[in-house]
Amino acid sequence: MESTNLNIRTDKEVKIAAERIFEELGLNMTTAVNIFLRQTIRENGIPFELKLNVPNDVTAAAIEEGKKLAYDKTASGYTNMNDLKAALDQSDTRSDLQINSKKI
């Protein structure tokens, strides 16, 4: 296969750090870039996951619950932190009672 040159620009620190890692792996920069390019072809895309900061399952569920509550006319609302804290404490007490009653 005929070869060609590829010129790229990167930060000096990035290049140095990558070269150190490649050296430990027994690779040079050319070989490492070729591995990346061939894997890109094999995967028909970037060979690793690219993603935005996506919330985890618990956070995503909380966001969905919040959206539903925002449009639920029957949902309780709180006008100050003391009322909210009291409701949360009451909820914790009920949960403790349920847990304790199951143990008996």
PDB file of N, CA and C in Angstrom:
ATOM      1  N   MET A   1       0.846  -1.171   0.000  1.00  0.00           N
ATOM      2  CA  MET A   1       0.000   0.000   0.000  1.00  0.00           C
ATOM      3  C   MET A   1       0.894   1.236   0.000  1.00  0.00           C
ATOM      4  N   GLU A   2       0.554   2.174  -0.839  1.00  0.00           N
ATOM      5  CA  GLU A   2       1.331   3.412  -0.938  1.00  0.00           C
ATOM      6  C   GLU A   2       1.091   4.273   0.306  1.00  0.00           C
ATOM      7  N   SER A   3       2.146   4.861   0.820  1.00  0.00           N
ATOM      8  CA  SER A   3       1.990   5.701   2.008  1.00  0.00           C
ATOM      9  C   SER A   3       1.971   7.176   1.633  1.00  0.00           C
ATOM     10  N   THR A   4       1.457   7.976   2.554  1.00  0.00           N
ATOM     11  CA  THR A   4       1.392   9.419   2.381  1.00  0.00           C
ATOM     12  C   THR A   4       1.688  10.071   3.720  1.00  0.00           C
ATOM     13  N   ASN A   5       2.003  11.341   3.695  1.00  0.00           N
ATOM     14  CA  ASN A   5       2.279  12.067   4.937  1.00  0.00           C
ATOM     15  C   ASN A   5       1.002  12.685   5.478  1.00  0.00           C
ATOM     16  N   LEU A   6       0.930  12.758   6.790  1.00  0.00           N
ATOM     17  CA  LEU A   6      -0.189  13.375   7.481  1.00  0.00           C
ATOM     18  C   LEU A   6       0.391  14.360   8.488  1.00  0.00           C
ATOM     19  N   ASN A   7       0.090  15.609   8.367  1.00  0.00           N
ATOM     20  CA  ASN A   7       0.583  16.629   9.292  1.00  0.00           C
ATOM     21  C   ASN A   7      -0.569  17.093  10.175  1.00  0.00           C
ATOM     22  N   ILE A   8      -0.362  17.043  11.486  1.00  0.00           N
ATOM     23  CA  ILE A   8      -1.386  17.511  12.417  1.00  0.00           C
ATOM     24  C   ILE A   8      -0.773  18.489  13.404  1.00  0.00           C
ATOM     25  N   ARG A   9      -1.599  19.320  13.986  1.00  0.00           N
ATOM     26  CA  ARG A   9      -1.153  20.255  15.016  1.00  0.00           C
ATOM     27  C   ARG A   9      -1.790  19.855  16.329  1.00  0.00           C
ATOM     28  N   THR A  10      -0.986  19.913  17.380  1.00  0.00           N
ATOM     29  CA  THR A  10      -1.484  19.630  18.720  1.00  0.00           C
ATOM     30  C   THR A  10      -0.635  20.396  19.721  1.00  0.00           C
ATOM     31  N   ASP A  11      -1.103  20.483  20.946  1.00  0.00           N
ATOM     32  CA  ASP A  11      -0.328  21.141  21.993  1.00  0.00           C
ATOM     33  C   ASP A  11       0.929  20.332  22.281  1.00  0.00           C
ATOM     34  N   LYS A  12       1.999  21.034  22.573  1.00  0.00           N
ATOM     35  CA  LYS A  12       3.277  20.380  22.835  1.00  0.00           C
ATOM     36  C   LYS A  12       3.158  19.397  24.003  1.00  0.00           C
ATOM     37  N   GLU A  13       2.460  19.803  25.066  1.00  0.00           N
ATOM     38  CA  GLU A  13       2.308  18.951  26.248  1.00  0.00           C
ATOM     39  C   GLU A  13       1.531  17.680  25.922  1.00  0.00           C
ATOM     40  N   VAL A  14       0.539  17.799  25.064  1.00  0.00           N
ATOM     41  CA  VAL A  14      -0.254  16.632  24.652  1.00  0.00           C
ATOM     42  C   VAL A  14       0.638  15.654  23.906  1.00  0.00           C
ATOM     43  N   LYS A  15       1.438  16.165  22.993  1.00  0.00           N
ATOM     44  CA  LYS A  15       2.332  15.305  22.212  1.00  0.00           C
ATOM     45  C   LYS A  15       3.323  14.583  23.120  1.00  0.00           C
ATOM     46  N   ILE A  16       3.933  15.309  24.039  1.00  0.00           N
ATOM     47  CA  ILE A  16       4.917  14.716  24.946  1.00  0.00           C
ATOM     48  C   ILE A  16       4.280  13.637  25.815  1.00  0.00           C
ATOM     49  N   ALA A  17       3.110  13.941  26.383  1.00  0.00           N
ATOM     50  CA  ALA A  17       2.424  12.971  27.250  1.00  0.00           C
ATOM     51  C   ALA A  17       2.036  11.720  26.457  1.00  0.00           C
ATOM     52  N   ALA A  18       1.529  11.912  25.233  1.00  0.00           N
ATOM     53  CA  ALA A  18       1.142  10.773  24.405  1.00  0.00           C
ATOM     54  C   ALA A  18       2.365   9.949  24.021  1.00  0.00           C
ATOM     55  N   GLU A  19       3.452  10.602  23.663  1.00  0.00           N
ATOM     56  CA  GLU A  19       4.675   9.875  23.292  1.00  0.00           C
ATOM     57  C   GLU A  19       5.185   9.017  24.442  1.00  0.00           C
ATOM     58  N   ARG A  20       5.082   9.530  25.665  1.00  0.00           N
ATOM     59  CA  ARG A  20       5.501   8.745  26.841  1.00  0.00           C
ATOM     60  C   ARG A  20       4.676   7.456  26.959  1.00  0.00           C
ATOM     61  N   ILE A  21       3.388   7.606  26.804  1.00  0.00           N
ATOM     62  CA  ILE A  21       2.497   6.443  26.903  1.00  0.00           C
ATOM     63  C   ILE A  21       2.785   5.458  25.770  1.00  0.00           C
ATOM     64  N   PHE A  22       2.901   5.987  24.548  1.00  0.00           N
ATOM     65  CA  PHE A  22       3.171   5.109  23.403  1.00  0.00           C
ATOM     66  C   PHE A  22       4.492   4.377  23.578  1.00  0.00           C
ATOM     67  N   GLU A  23       5.486   5.074  24.109  1.00  0.00           N
ATOM     68  CA  GLU A  23       6.788   4.443  24.333  1.00  0.00           C
ATOM     69  C   GLU A  23       6.664   3.272  25.306  1.00  0.00           C
ATOM     70  N   GLU A  24       5.892   3.472  26.367  1.00  0.00           N
ATOM     71  CA  GLU A  24       5.674   2.381  27.333  1.00  0.00           C
ATOM     72  C   GLU A  24       4.958   1.202  26.685  1.00  0.00           C
ATOM     73  N   LEU A  25       4.138   1.490  25.688  1.00  0.00           N
ATOM     74  CA  LEU A  25       3.418   0.440  24.973  1.00  0.00           C
ATOM     75  C   LEU A  25       4.244  -0.158  23.833  1.00  0.00           C
ATOM     76  N   GLY A  26       5.441   0.387  23.618  1.00  0.00           N
ATOM     77  CA  GLY A  26       6.296  -0.103  22.534  1.00  0.00           C
ATOM     78  C   GLY A  26       5.887   0.437  21.173  1.00  0.00           C
ATOM     79  N   LEU A  27       5.230   1.588  21.167  1.00  0.00           N
ATOM     80  CA  LEU A  27       4.764   2.199  19.926  1.00  0.00           C
ATOM     81  C   LEU A  27       5.427   3.551  19.722  1.00  0.00           C
ATOM     82  N   ASN A  28       5.467   3.989  18.474  1.00  0.00           N
ATOM     83  CA  ASN A  28       5.832   5.375  18.208  1.00  0.00           C
ATOM     84  C   ASN A  28       4.565   6.116  17.785  1.00  0.00           C
ATOM     85  N   MET A  29       4.679   7.412  17.603  1.00  0.00           N
ATOM     86  CA  MET A  29       3.507   8.236  17.276  1.00  0.00           C
ATOM     87  C   MET A  29       2.869   7.780  15.968  1.00  0.00           C
ATOM     88  N   THR A  30       3.680   7.476  14.958  1.00  0.00           N
ATOM     89  CA  THR A  30       3.152   7.054  13.663  1.00  0.00           C
ATOM     90  C   THR A  30       2.314   5.789  13.790  1.00  0.00           C
ATOM     91  N   THR A  31       2.836   4.817  14.505  1.00  0.00           N
ATOM     92  CA  THR A  31       2.108   3.565  14.683  1.00  0.00           C
ATOM     93  C   THR A  31       0.806   3.800  15.449  1.00  0.00           C
ATOM     94  N   ALA A  32       0.867   4.611  16.503  1.00  0.00           N
ATOM     95  CA  ALA A  32      -0.336   4.891  17.299  1.00  0.00           C
ATOM     96  C   ALA A  32      -1.404   5.592  16.461  1.00  0.00           C
ATOM     97  N   VAL A  33      -1.009   6.560  15.648  1.00  0.00           N
ATOM     98  CA  VAL A  33      -1.974   7.269  14.800  1.00  0.00           C
ATOM     99  C   VAL A  33      -2.547   6.305  13.765  1.00  0.00           C
ATOM    100  N   ASN A  34      -1.707   5.453  13.203  1.00  0.00           N
ATOM    101  CA  ASN A  34      -2.200   4.463  12.233  1.00  0.00           C
ATOM    102  C   ASN A  34      -3.184   3.498  12.874  1.00  0.00           C
ATOM    103  N   ILE A  35      -2.939   3.106  14.110  1.00  0.00           N
ATOM    104  CA  ILE A  35      -3.890   2.250  14.826  1.00  0.00           C
ATOM    105  C   ILE A  35      -5.231   2.965  14.950  1.00  0.00           C
ATOM    106  N   PHE A  36      -5.186   4.235  15.344  1.00  0.00           N
ATOM    107  CA  PHE A  36      -6.412   5.019  15.473  1.00  0.00           C
ATOM    108  C   PHE A  36      -7.141   5.099  14.133  1.00  0.00           C
ATOM    109  N   LEU A  37      -6.420   5.404  13.050  1.00  0.00           N
ATOM    110  CA  LEU A  37      -7.049   5.548  11.741  1.00  0.00           C
ATOM    111  C   LEU A  37      -7.662   4.234  11.265  1.00  0.00           C
ATOM    112  N   ARG A  38      -6.933   3.129  11.440  1.00  0.00           N
ATOM    113  CA  ARG A  38      -7.453   1.831  11.002  1.00  0.00           C
ATOM    114  C   ARG A  38      -8.674   1.414  11.828  1.00  0.00           C
ATOM    115  N   GLN A  39      -8.632   1.690  13.123  1.00  0.00           N
ATOM    116  CA  GLN A  39      -9.780   1.361  13.977  1.00  0.00           C
ATOM    117  C   GLN A  39     -10.985   2.226  13.605  1.00  0.00           C
ATOM    118  N   THR A  40     -10.733   3.467  13.226  1.00  0.00           N
ATOM    119  CA  THR A  40     -11.808   4.350  12.767  1.00  0.00           C
ATOM    120  C   THR A  40     -12.480   3.764  11.534  1.00  0.00           C
ATOM    121  N   ILE A  41     -11.669   3.259  10.615  1.00  0.00           N
ATOM    122  CA  ILE A  41     -12.211   2.633   9.406  1.00  0.00           C
ATOM    123  C   ILE A  41     -12.993   1.375   9.778  1.00  0.00           C
ATOM    124  N   ARG A  42     -12.407   0.558  10.644  1.00  0.00           N
ATOM    125  CA  ARG A  42     -13.053  -0.703  11.047  1.00  0.00           C
ATOM    126  C   ARG A  42     -14.393  -0.440  11.724  1.00  0.00           C
ATOM    127  N   GLU A  43     -14.438   0.571  12.601  1.00  0.00           N
ATOM    128  CA  GLU A  43     -15.672   0.895  13.348  1.00  0.00           C
ATOM    129  C   GLU A  43     -16.633   1.755  12.535  1.00  0.00           C
ATOM    130  N   ASN A  44     -16.144   2.283  11.412  1.00  0.00           N
ATOM    131  CA  ASN A  44     -16.911   3.218  10.594  1.00  0.00           C
ATOM    132  C   ASN A  44     -17.323   4.447  11.411  1.00  0.00           C
ATOM    133  N   GLY A  45     -16.415   4.897  12.250  1.00  0.00           N
ATOM    134  CA  GLY A  45     -16.639   6.064  13.099  1.00  0.00           C
ATOM    135  C   GLY A  45     -15.521   6.178  14.114  1.00  0.00           C
ATOM    136  N   ILE A  46     -15.624   7.136  14.989  1.00  0.00           N
ATOM    137  CA  ILE A  46     -14.622   7.311  16.042  1.00  0.00           C
ATOM    138  C   ILE A  46     -14.620   6.042  16.891  1.00  0.00           C
ATOM    139  N   PRO A  47     -13.435   5.464  17.148  1.00  0.00           N
ATOM    140  CA  PRO A  47     -13.389   4.161  17.831  1.00  0.00           C
ATOM    141  C   PRO A  47     -13.533   4.216  19.352  1.00  0.00           C
ATOM    142  N   PHE A  48     -14.097   5.259  19.844  1.00  0.00           N
ATOM    143  CA  PHE A  48     -14.413   5.354  21.264  1.00  0.00           C
ATOM    144  C   PHE A  48     -15.631   6.241  21.394  1.00  0.00           C
ATOM    145  N   GLU A  49     -16.277   6.163  22.540  1.00  0.00           N
ATOM    146  CA  GLU A  49     -17.529   6.874  22.744  1.00  0.00           C
ATOM    147  C   GLU A  49     -17.293   8.365  22.945  1.00  0.00           C
ATOM    148  N   LEU A  50     -17.989   9.164  22.180  1.00  0.00           N
ATOM    149  CA  LEU A  50     -17.989  10.613  22.355  1.00  0.00           C
ATOM    150  C   LEU A  50     -19.350  10.994  22.907  1.00  0.00           C
ATOM    151  N   LYS A  51     -19.370  11.679  24.027  1.00  0.00           N
ATOM    152  CA  LYS A  51     -20.664  12.028  24.583  1.00  0.00           C
ATOM    153  C   LYS A  51     -20.576  13.316  25.377  1.00  0.00           C
ATOM    154  N   LEU A  52     -21.698  13.952  25.468  1.00  0.00           N
ATOM    155  CA  LEU A  52     -21.823  15.135  26.309  1.00  0.00           C
ATOM    156  C   LEU A  52     -22.017  14.675  27.740  1.00  0.00           C
ATOM    157  N   ASN A  53     -21.974  15.590  28.643  1.00  0.00           N
ATOM    158  CA  ASN A  53     -22.166  15.264  30.049  1.00  0.00           C
ATOM    159  C   ASN A  53     -23.613  14.822  30.251  1.00  0.00           C
ATOM    160  N   VAL A  54     -23.819  13.510  30.248  1.00  0.00           N
ATOM    161  CA  VAL A  54     -25.154  12.930  30.344  1.00  0.00           C
ATOM    162  C   VAL A  54     -25.395  12.504  31.795  1.00  0.00           C
ATOM    163  N   PRO A  55     -26.545  12.847  32.355  1.00  0.00           N
ATOM    164  CA  PRO A  55     -26.798  12.455  33.743  1.00  0.00           C
ATOM    165  C   PRO A  55     -26.910  10.939  33.898  1.00  0.00           C
ATOM    166  N   ASN A  56     -26.515  10.452  35.076  1.00  0.00           N
ATOM    167  CA  ASN A  56     -26.644   9.014  35.348  1.00  0.00           C
ATOM    168  C   ASN A  56     -28.124   8.668  35.512  1.00  0.00           C
ATOM    169  N   ASP A  57     -28.422   7.390  35.689  1.00  0.00           N
ATOM    170  CA  ASP A  57     -29.814   6.927  35.740  1.00  0.00           C
ATOM    171  C   ASP A  57     -30.614   7.573  36.867  1.00  0.00           C
ATOM    172  N   VAL A  58     -29.999   7.717  38.047  1.00  0.00           N
ATOM    173  CA  VAL A  58     -30.698   8.301  39.199  1.00  0.00           C
ATOM    174  C   VAL A  58     -31.029   9.764  38.917  1.00  0.00           C
ATOM    175  N   THR A  59     -30.046  10.500  38.386  1.00  0.00           N
ATOM    176  CA  THR A  59     -30.275  11.914  38.085  1.00  0.00           C
ATOM    177  C   THR A  59     -31.308  12.068  36.979  1.00  0.00           C
ATOM    178  N   ALA A  60     -31.223  11.238  35.948  1.00  0.00           N
ATOM    179  CA  ALA A  60     -32.197  11.306  34.848  1.00  0.00           C
ATOM    180  C   ALA A  60     -33.608  11.028  35.362  1.00  0.00           C
ATOM    181  N   ALA A  61     -33.739  10.055  36.263  1.00  0.00           N
ATOM    182  CA  ALA A  61     -35.053   9.744  36.840  1.00  0.00           C
ATOM    183  C   ALA A  61     -35.572  10.924  37.661  1.00  0.00           C
ATOM    184  N   ALA A  62     -34.681  11.571  38.411  1.00  0.00           N
ATOM    185  CA  ALA A  62     -35.088  12.729  39.215  1.00  0.00           C
ATOM    186  C   ALA A  62     -35.527  13.881  38.318  1.00  0.00           C
ATOM    187  N   ILE A  63     -34.826  14.073  37.207  1.00  0.00           N
ATOM    188  CA  ILE A  63     -35.201  15.133  36.267  1.00  0.00           C
ATOM    189  C   ILE A  63     -36.588  14.848  35.691  1.00  0.00           C
ATOM    190  N   GLU A  64     -36.822  13.603  35.289  1.00  0.00           N
ATOM    191  CA  GLU A  64     -38.136  13.228  34.743  1.00  0.00           C
ATOM    192  C   GLU A  64     -39.238  13.411  35.785  1.00  0.00           C
ATOM    193  N   GLU A  65     -38.948  12.998  37.022  1.00  0.00           N
ATOM    194  CA  GLU A  65     -39.932  13.161  38.090  1.00  0.00           C
ATOM    195  C   GLU A  65     -40.233  14.643  38.306  1.00  0.00           C
ATOM    196  N   GLY A  66     -39.210  15.460  38.284  1.00  0.00           N
ATOM    197  CA  GLY A  66     -39.396  16.899  38.442  1.00  0.00           C
ATOM    198  C   GLY A  66     -40.240  17.500  37.332  1.00  0.00           C
ATOM    199  N   LYS A  67     -40.001  17.049  36.099  1.00  0.00           N
ATOM    200  CA  LYS A  67     -40.803  17.540  34.970  1.00  0.00           C
ATOM    201  C   LYS A  67     -42.269  17.158  35.140  1.00  0.00           C
ATOM    202  N   LYS A  68     -42.516  15.913  35.568  1.00  0.00           N
ATOM    203  CA  LYS A  68     -43.901  15.463  35.772  1.00  0.00           C
ATOM    204  C   LYS A  68     -44.565  16.261  36.891  1.00  0.00           C
ATOM    205  N   LEU A  69     -43.835  16.467  37.981  1.00  0.00           N
ATOM    206  CA  LEU A  69     -44.396  17.216  39.106  1.00  0.00           C
ATOM    207  C   LEU A  69     -44.676  18.667  38.743  1.00  0.00           C
ATOM    208  N   ALA A  70     -43.860  19.225  37.872  1.00  0.00           N
ATOM    209  CA  ALA A  70     -44.042  20.626  37.473  1.00  0.00           C
ATOM    210  C   ALA A  70     -45.387  20.844  36.780  1.00  0.00           C
ATOM    211  N   TYR A  71     -45.889  19.809  36.100  1.00  0.00           N
ATOM    212  CA  TYR A  71     -47.151  19.932  35.379  1.00  0.00           C
ATOM    213  C   TYR A  71     -48.318  19.249  36.086  1.00  0.00           C
ATOM    214  N   ASP A  72     -48.055  18.650  37.240  1.00  0.00           N
ATOM    215  CA  ASP A  72     -49.098  17.947  37.995  1.00  0.00           C
ATOM    216  C   ASP A  72     -49.779  18.937  38.937  1.00  0.00           C
ATOM    217  N   LYS A  73     -51.021  19.255  38.633  1.00  0.00           N
ATOM    218  CA  LYS A  73     -51.760  20.237  39.433  1.00  0.00           C
ATOM    219  C   LYS A  73     -52.069  19.729  40.843  1.00  0.00           C
ATOM    220  N   THR A  74     -52.030  18.410  41.053  1.00  0.00           N
ATOM    221  CA  THR A  74     -52.341  17.856  42.367  1.00  0.00           C
ATOM    222  C   THR A  74     -51.099  17.688  43.241  1.00  0.00           C
ATOM    223  N   ALA A  75     -49.915  17.940  42.684  1.00  0.00           N
ATOM    224  CA  ALA A  75     -48.676  17.765  43.451  1.00  0.00           C
ATOM    225  C   ALA A  75     -48.548  18.868  44.502  1.00  0.00           C
ATOM    226  N   SER A  76     -48.036  18.487  45.681  1.00  0.00           N
ATOM    227  CA  SER A  76     -47.820  19.460  46.742  1.00  0.00           C
ATOM    228  C   SER A  76     -46.650  20.366  46.375  1.00  0.00           C
ATOM    229  N   GLY A  77     -46.762  21.587  46.791  1.00  0.00           N
ATOM    230  CA  GLY A  77     -45.676  22.543  46.591  1.00  0.00           C
ATOM    231  C   GLY A  77     -45.285  23.155  47.922  1.00  0.00           C
ATOM    232  N   TYR A  78     -44.142  23.749  47.984  1.00  0.00           N
ATOM    233  CA  TYR A  78     -43.647  24.348  49.220  1.00  0.00           C
ATOM    234  C   TYR A  78     -43.195  25.771  48.924  1.00  0.00           C
ATOM    235  N   THR A  79     -43.513  26.659  49.829  1.00  0.00           N
ATOM    236  CA  THR A  79     -43.137  28.057  49.637  1.00  0.00           C
ATOM    237  C   THR A  79     -41.894  28.440  50.417  1.00  0.00           C
ATOM    238  N   ASN A  80     -41.433  27.520  51.299  1.00  0.00           N
ATOM    239  CA  ASN A  80     -40.202  27.812  52.034  1.00  0.00           C
ATOM    240  C   ASN A  80     -39.487  26.513  52.392  1.00  0.00           C
ATOM    241  N   MET A  81     -38.240  26.619  52.749  1.00  0.00           N
ATOM    242  CA  MET A  81     -37.408  25.451  53.029  1.00  0.00           C
ATOM    243  C   MET A  81     -37.861  24.694  54.280  1.00  0.00           C
ATOM    244  N   ASN A  82     -38.385  25.399  55.262  1.00  0.00           N
ATOM    245  CA  ASN A  82     -38.823  24.732  56.493  1.00  0.00           C
ATOM    246  C   ASN A  82     -39.968  23.753  56.220  1.00  0.00           C
ATOM    247  N   ASP A  83     -40.925  24.165  55.389  1.00  0.00           N
ATOM    248  CA  ASP A  83     -42.036  23.269  55.036  1.00  0.00           C
ATOM    249  C   ASP A  83     -41.528  22.057  54.251  1.00  0.00           C
ATOM    250  N   LEU A  84     -40.615  22.299  53.331  1.00  0.00           N
ATOM    251  CA  LEU A  84     -40.046  21.198  52.552  1.00  0.00           C
ATOM    252  C   LEU A  84     -39.307  20.221  53.462  1.00  0.00           C
ATOM    253  N   LYS A  85     -38.483  20.748  54.363  1.00  0.00           N
ATOM    254  CA  LYS A  85     -37.724  19.893  55.281  1.00  0.00           C
ATOM    255  C   LYS A  85     -38.666  19.077  56.163  1.00  0.00           C
ATOM    256  N   ALA A  86     -39.726  19.713  56.659  1.00  0.00           N
ATOM    257  CA  ALA A  86     -40.694  18.995  57.491  1.00  0.00           C
ATOM    258  C   ALA A  86     -41.351  17.859  56.698  1.00  0.00           C
ATOM    259  N   ALA A  87     -41.687  18.106  55.455  1.00  0.00           N
ATOM    260  CA  ALA A  87     -42.301  17.064  54.624  1.00  0.00           C
ATOM    261  C   ALA A  87     -41.316  15.928  54.369  1.00  0.00           C
ATOM    262  N   LEU A  88     -40.058  16.266  54.137  1.00  0.00           N
ATOM    263  CA  LEU A  88     -39.040  15.232  53.922  1.00  0.00           C
ATOM    264  C   LEU A  88     -38.819  14.414  55.187  1.00  0.00           C
ATOM    265  N   ASP A  89     -38.772  15.086  56.339  1.00  0.00           N
ATOM    266  CA  ASP A  89     -38.601  14.374  57.609  1.00  0.00           C
ATOM    267  C   ASP A  89     -39.783  13.440  57.859  1.00  0.00           C
ATOM    268  N   GLN A  90     -40.988  13.909  57.554  1.00  0.00           N
ATOM    269  CA  GLN A  90     -42.191  13.097  57.719  1.00  0.00           C
ATOM    270  C   GLN A  90     -42.139  11.875  56.795  1.00  0.00           C
ATOM    271  N   SER A  91     -41.658  12.079  55.580  1.00  0.00           N
ATOM    272  CA  SER A  91     -41.517  10.987  54.618  1.00  0.00           C
ATOM    273  C   SER A  91     -40.506   9.966  55.107  1.00  0.00           C
ATOM    274  N   ASP A  92     -39.381  10.438  55.679  1.00  0.00           N
ATOM    275  CA  ASP A  92     -38.363   9.533  56.219  1.00  0.00           C
ATOM    276  C   ASP A  92     -38.931   8.712  57.371  1.00  0.00           C
ATOM    277  N   THR A  93     -39.731   9.335  58.232  1.00  0.00           N
ATOM    278  CA  THR A  93     -40.328   8.639  59.369  1.00  0.00           C
ATOM    279  C   THR A  93     -41.265   7.543  58.875  1.00  0.00           C
ATOM    280  N   ARG A  94     -42.075   7.848  57.854  1.00  0.00           N
ATOM    281  CA  ARG A  94     -42.985   6.844  57.291  1.00  0.00           C
ATOM    282  C   ARG A  94     -42.199   5.685  56.678  1.00  0.00           C
ATOM    283  N   SER A  95     -41.104   5.992  55.998  1.00  0.00           N
ATOM    284  CA  SER A  95     -40.290   4.935  55.398  1.00  0.00           C
ATOM    285  C   SER A  95     -39.670   4.060  56.478  1.00  0.00           C
ATOM    286  N   ASP A  96     -39.210   4.677  57.569  1.00  0.00           N
ATOM    287  CA  ASP A  96     -38.633   3.903  58.677  1.00  0.00           C
ATOM    288  C   ASP A  96     -39.683   2.991  59.297  1.00  0.00           C
ATOM    289  N   LEU A  97     -40.915   3.497  59.432  1.00  0.00           N
ATOM    290  CA  LEU A  97     -41.979   2.677  60.007  1.00  0.00           C
ATOM    291  C   LEU A  97     -42.289   1.486  59.119  1.00  0.00           C
ATOM    292  N   GLN A  98     -42.310   1.713  57.812  1.00  0.00           N
ATOM    293  CA  GLN A  98     -42.575   0.612  56.876  1.00  0.00           C
ATOM    294  C   GLN A  98     -41.466  -0.425  56.940  1.00  0.00           C
ATOM    295  N   ILE A  99     -40.237   0.032  56.986  1.00  0.00           N
ATOM    296  CA  ILE A  99     -39.099  -0.896  57.047  1.00  0.00           C
ATOM    297  C   ILE A  99     -39.134  -1.685  58.341  1.00  0.00           C
ATOM    298  N   ASN A 100     -39.374  -0.994  59.473  1.00  0.00           N
ATOM    299  CA  ASN A 100     -39.417  -1.669  60.765  1.00  0.00           C
ATOM    300  C   ASN A 100     -40.576  -2.651  60.853  1.00  0.00           C
ATOM    301  N   SER A 101     -41.716  -2.327  60.267  1.00  0.00           N
ATOM    302  CA  SER A 101     -42.859  -3.245  60.349  1.00  0.00           C
ATOM    303  C   SER A 101     -42.627  -4.495  59.512  1.00  0.00           C
ATOM    304  N   LYS A 102     -41.829  -4.412  58.473  1.00  0.00           N
ATOM    305  CA  LYS A 102     -41.522  -5.592  57.658  1.00  0.00           C
ATOM    306  C   LYS A 102     -40.577  -6.527  58.388  1.00  0.00           C
ATOM    307  N   LYS A 103     -39.749  -6.009  59.287  1.00  0.00           N
ATOM    308  CA  LYS A 103     -38.794  -6.821  60.009  1.00  0.00           C
ATOM    309  C   LYS A 103     -39.479  -7.680  61.064  1.00  0.00           C
ATOM    310  N   ILE A 104     -40.625  -7.239  61.562  1.00  0.00           N
ATOM    311  CA  ILE A 104     -41.303  -7.931  62.654  1.00  0.00           C
ATOM    312  C   ILE A 104     -41.976  -9.172  62.181  1.00  0.00           C
TER     313      ILE A 104
END
